[in-house]
């Protein structure tokens, strides 16, 4: 956060949406009502289908990491019967 913000100058934010889960970029909460909306299922779900016998009945602990070497997201997960 810029030191100019503390001198009463407007805070410069990046373009796009801002996630206001905490008060990091909220100076004043007067007449503010924080609303957290529930997730919506994407119409093309499920993204991951269990189609191998060794995958069991359901997926647990998915981890998605960006792999810079190949410019792709990679996912690791555990399955259980």
C-alpha atoms as a PDB file:
ATOM      1  CA  UNK A   1       0.000   0.000   0.000  1.00  0.00           C
ATOM      2  CA  UNK A   2       1.301   3.438  -0.915  1.00  0.00           C
ATOM      3  CA  UNK A   3       2.359   5.899   1.813  1.00  0.00           C
ATOM      4  CA  UNK A   4       0.328   8.569  -0.058  1.00  0.00           C
ATOM      5  CA  UNK A   5      -2.804   6.829   1.192  1.00  0.00           C
ATOM      6  CA  UNK A   6      -1.913   7.699   4.776  1.00  0.00           C
ATOM      7  CA  UNK A   7      -1.488  11.393   3.842  1.00  0.00           C
ATOM      8  CA  UNK A   8      -5.132  11.639   2.764  1.00  0.00           C
ATOM      9  CA  UNK A   9      -4.569  11.035  -0.941  1.00  0.00           C
ATOM     10  CA  UNK A  10      -6.810   8.561  -2.806  1.00  0.00           C
ATOM     11  CA  UNK A  11      -5.682   4.962  -2.874  1.00  0.00           C
ATOM     12  CA  UNK A  12      -4.827   3.827  -6.418  1.00  0.00           C
ATOM     13  CA  UNK A  13      -6.195   0.349  -7.119  1.00  0.00           C
ATOM     14  CA  UNK A  14      -5.585  -1.891 -10.076  1.00  0.00           C
ATOM     15  CA  UNK A  15      -8.277  -2.210 -12.720  1.00  0.00           C
ATOM     16  CA  UNK A  16     -10.936  -4.833 -12.163  1.00  0.00           C
ATOM     17  CA  UNK A  17     -12.681  -6.255  -9.132  1.00  0.00           C
ATOM     18  CA  UNK A  18     -11.345  -5.954  -5.608  1.00  0.00           C
ATOM     19  CA  UNK A  19     -11.842  -8.674  -3.004  1.00  0.00           C
ATOM     20  CA  UNK A  20     -12.823  -6.949   0.234  1.00  0.00           C
ATOM     21  CA  UNK A  21     -12.642  -9.805   2.728  1.00  0.00           C
ATOM     22  CA  UNK A  22     -10.713  -7.734   5.228  1.00  0.00           C
ATOM     23  CA  UNK A  23     -10.151  -4.013   5.844  1.00  0.00           C
ATOM     24  CA  UNK A  24      -6.761  -3.770   4.090  1.00  0.00           C
ATOM     25  CA  UNK A  25      -8.045  -1.339   1.444  1.00  0.00           C
ATOM     26  CA  UNK A  26     -11.210  -0.139   3.249  1.00  0.00           C
ATOM     27  CA  UNK A  27     -10.682   3.227   4.921  1.00  0.00           C
ATOM     28  CA  UNK A  28     -14.213   3.837   6.164  1.00  0.00           C
ATOM     29  CA  UNK A  29     -16.968   1.303   6.855  1.00  0.00           C
ATOM     30  CA  UNK A  30     -19.774   3.840   7.237  1.00  0.00           C
ATOM     31  CA  UNK A  31     -22.933   2.447   5.566  1.00  0.00           C
ATOM     32  CA  UNK A  32     -20.949  -0.562   4.368  1.00  0.00           C
ATOM     33  CA  UNK A  33     -22.534  -3.987   4.441  1.00  0.00           C
ATOM     34  CA  UNK A  34     -20.242  -6.871   3.623  1.00  0.00           C
ATOM     35  CA  UNK A  35     -21.969  -9.700   1.748  1.00  0.00           C
ATOM     36  CA  UNK A  36     -20.321 -12.989   0.896  1.00  0.00           C
ATOM     37  CA  UNK A  37     -22.141 -14.790  -1.887  1.00  0.00           C
ATOM     38  CA  UNK A  38     -22.183 -18.546  -2.100  1.00  0.00           C
ATOM     39  CA  UNK A  39     -20.429 -20.376  -4.910  1.00  0.00           C
ATOM     40  CA  UNK A  40     -22.305 -21.239  -8.082  1.00  0.00           C
ATOM     41  CA  UNK A  41     -21.750 -24.524  -9.850  1.00  0.00           C
ATOM     42  CA  UNK A  42     -20.376 -24.077 -13.361  1.00  0.00           C
ATOM     43  CA  UNK A  43     -22.645 -25.584 -16.054  1.00  0.00           C
ATOM     44  CA  UNK A  44     -19.779 -27.711 -17.427  1.00  0.00           C
ATOM     45  CA  UNK A  45     -19.153 -29.419 -14.064  1.00  0.00           C
ATOM     46  CA  UNK A  46     -17.931 -31.825 -12.993  1.00  0.00           C
ATOM     47  CA  UNK A  47     -14.544 -30.684 -14.232  1.00  0.00           C
ATOM     48  CA  UNK A  48     -12.948 -33.885 -12.979  1.00  0.00           C
ATOM     49  CA  UNK A  49     -14.590 -37.233 -13.646  1.00  0.00           C
ATOM     50  CA  UNK A  50     -13.548 -40.484 -12.020  1.00  0.00           C
ATOM     51  CA  UNK A  51     -13.099 -42.841 -14.956  1.00  0.00           C
ATOM     52  CA  UNK A  52     -10.247 -45.128 -13.845  1.00  0.00           C
ATOM     53  CA  UNK A  53     -10.717 -48.114 -11.515  1.00  0.00           C
ATOM     54  CA  UNK A  54      -7.891 -46.969  -9.216  1.00  0.00           C
ATOM     55  CA  UNK A  55      -9.522 -43.557  -8.652  1.00  0.00           C
ATOM     56  CA  UNK A  56     -12.088 -44.855  -6.177  1.00  0.00           C
ATOM     57  CA  UNK A  57     -15.424 -43.205  -5.413  1.00  0.00           C
ATOM     58  CA  UNK A  58     -14.484 -39.567  -4.746  1.00  0.00           C
ATOM     59  CA  UNK A  59     -11.660 -37.005  -4.883  1.00  0.00           C
ATOM     60  CA  UNK A  60     -10.196 -35.389  -1.778  1.00  0.00           C
ATOM     61  CA  UNK A  61      -7.570 -32.676  -1.206  1.00  0.00           C
ATOM     62  CA  UNK A  62      -7.175 -31.299  -4.748  1.00  0.00           C
ATOM     63  CA  UNK A  63      -4.161 -29.022  -5.218  1.00  0.00           C
ATOM     64  CA  UNK A  64      -3.810 -26.826  -8.316  1.00  0.00           C
ATOM     65  CA  UNK A  65      -0.466 -25.165  -9.084  1.00  0.00           C
ATOM     66  CA  UNK A  66       0.641 -23.038 -12.058  1.00  0.00           C
ATOM     67  CA  UNK A  67       3.556 -24.720 -13.850  1.00  0.00           C
ATOM     68  CA  UNK A  68       5.597 -21.943 -15.458  1.00  0.00           C
ATOM     69  CA  UNK A  69       7.759 -24.385 -17.409  1.00  0.00           C
ATOM     70  CA  UNK A  70       4.820 -25.479 -19.593  1.00  0.00           C
ATOM     71  CA  UNK A  71       2.418 -22.540 -18.961  1.00  0.00           C
ATOM     72  CA  UNK A  72      -0.329 -24.793 -17.632  1.00  0.00           C
ATOM     73  CA  UNK A  73      -2.149 -25.391 -14.375  1.00  0.00           C
ATOM     74  CA  UNK A  74      -1.355 -28.829 -12.927  1.00  0.00           C
ATOM     75  CA  UNK A  75      -3.601 -30.628 -10.456  1.00  0.00           C
ATOM     76  CA  UNK A  76      -2.788 -33.321  -7.926  1.00  0.00           C
ATOM     77  CA  UNK A  77      -5.464 -35.061  -5.913  1.00  0.00           C
ATOM     78  CA  UNK A  78      -6.114 -37.993  -3.592  1.00  0.00           C
ATOM     79  CA  UNK A  79      -8.909 -40.483  -4.180  1.00  0.00           C
ATOM     80  CA  UNK A  80     -10.729 -42.761  -1.783  1.00  0.00           C
ATOM     81  CA  UNK A  81     -13.075 -45.695  -2.058  1.00  0.00           C
END
